[in-house]
Amino acid sequence: MDTIVLILLYALDVYSILLIIRALLGWFPNLDYSNPLLRLLHNITEPVLAPIRRAVPPMGGMDWSIVIAVVGVNILMLLLRRF
């Protein structure tokens, strides 16, 4: 595989993990989001989640944007592996 493709795959893998961490942190409503690490996580993931959230509003009280983003990242990774 080309080096650029491998770097993209690693970056997408890390991004997918960050999305999962953000989903898990959503289970703790009393977290202090002024924490620099939580702020960084929010700043990294929100540019992808916000447009999805606008297109697909919460259904049944659940925010599906993270699930859709993780699936999208995984599909992109599959396409890059075939490249």
Protein backbone atom coordinates (compact mmCIF):
# COMPACT_ATOMS: atom_id res chain seq x y z
CA MET A 1 0.00 0.00 0.00
CA ASP A 2 1.06 3.53 -0.65
CA THR A 3 2.48 5.44 2.31
CA ILE A 4 -0.13 8.19 2.03
CA VAL A 5 -2.94 5.65 2.12
CA LEU A 6 -1.43 4.02 5.22
CA ILE A 7 -1.17 7.38 6.98
CA LEU A 8 -4.79 8.15 6.10
CA LEU A 9 -5.86 4.74 7.40
CA TYR A 10 -4.06 5.30 10.70
CA ALA A 11 -5.55 8.79 11.04
CA LEU A 12 -9.06 7.48 10.34
CA ASP A 13 -8.54 4.68 12.84
CA VAL A 14 -7.52 7.18 15.53
CA TYR A 15 -10.48 9.40 14.63
CA SER A 16 -12.84 6.44 14.95
CA ILE A 17 -11.45 5.73 18.41
CA LEU A 18 -11.92 9.39 19.38
CA LEU A 19 -15.55 9.20 18.26
CA ILE A 20 -16.11 6.10 20.38
CA ILE A 21 -14.48 7.77 23.39
CA ARG A 22 -16.78 10.75 22.92
CA ALA A 23 -19.81 8.45 22.79
CA LEU A 24 -18.74 6.72 25.99
CA LEU A 25 -18.16 10.04 27.75
CA GLY A 26 -21.74 10.98 26.89
CA TRP A 27 -22.85 8.50 29.54
CA PHE A 28 -21.36 10.76 32.22
CA PRO A 29 -23.49 13.92 32.21
CA ASN A 30 -21.65 15.63 35.08
CA LEU A 31 -18.29 15.87 33.32
CA ASP A 32 -16.58 19.24 33.37
CA TYR A 33 -16.28 20.13 29.69
CA SER A 34 -13.96 23.02 30.51
CA ASN A 35 -11.28 20.35 31.00
CA PRO A 36 -8.67 20.89 28.25
CA LEU A 37 -8.69 17.24 27.14
CA LEU A 38 -12.47 17.11 26.88
CA ARG A 39 -12.45 20.46 25.07
CA LEU A 40 -9.85 19.08 22.62
CA LEU A 41 -11.93 15.95 22.03
CA HIS A 42 -14.99 18.10 21.39
CA ASN A 43 -13.09 20.41 19.02
CA ILE A 44 -11.74 17.47 17.02
CA THR A 45 -14.99 15.53 16.68
CA GLU A 46 -17.63 18.28 16.48
CA PRO A 47 -16.83 19.45 12.91
CA VAL A 48 -17.90 16.02 11.65
CA LEU A 49 -20.76 15.45 14.10
CA ALA A 50 -22.50 18.83 13.78
CA PRO A 51 -23.50 18.47 10.08
CA ILE A 52 -24.68 14.91 10.70
CA ARG A 53 -26.67 16.09 13.71
CA ARG A 54 -28.34 18.78 11.59
CA ALA A 55 -29.24 16.24 8.89
CA VAL A 56 -30.36 13.47 11.27
CA PRO A 57 -32.00 14.82 14.42
CA PRO A 58 -32.05 12.69 17.59
CA MET A 59 -34.56 9.87 17.41
CA GLY A 60 -35.98 8.27 20.51
CA GLY A 61 -33.82 10.50 22.68
CA MET A 62 -30.62 9.08 21.16
CA ASP A 63 -28.06 11.04 19.19
CA TRP A 64 -27.24 8.88 16.18
CA SER A 65 -24.60 11.22 14.76
CA ILE A 66 -21.69 9.38 16.40
CA VAL A 67 -22.92 6.00 15.11
CA ILE A 68 -23.32 7.40 11.60
CA ALA A 69 -19.87 9.03 11.75
CA VAL A 70 -18.16 5.81 12.92
CA VAL A 71 -19.88 3.82 10.17
CA GLY A 72 -18.88 6.48 7.62
CA VAL A 73 -15.26 6.43 8.78
CA ASN A 74 -15.19 2.63 8.59
CA ILE A 75 -16.64 2.67 5.06
CA LEU A 76 -14.01 5.21 4.04
CA MET A 77 -11.32 2.95 5.52
CA LEU A 78 -12.64 -0.03 3.55
CA LEU A 79 -12.55 2.01 0.35
CA LEU A 80 -9.00 3.16 1.02
CA ARG A 81 -7.85 -0.41 1.66
CA ARG A 82 -9.05 -1.37 -1.80
CA PHE A 83 -7.11 1.54 -3.30
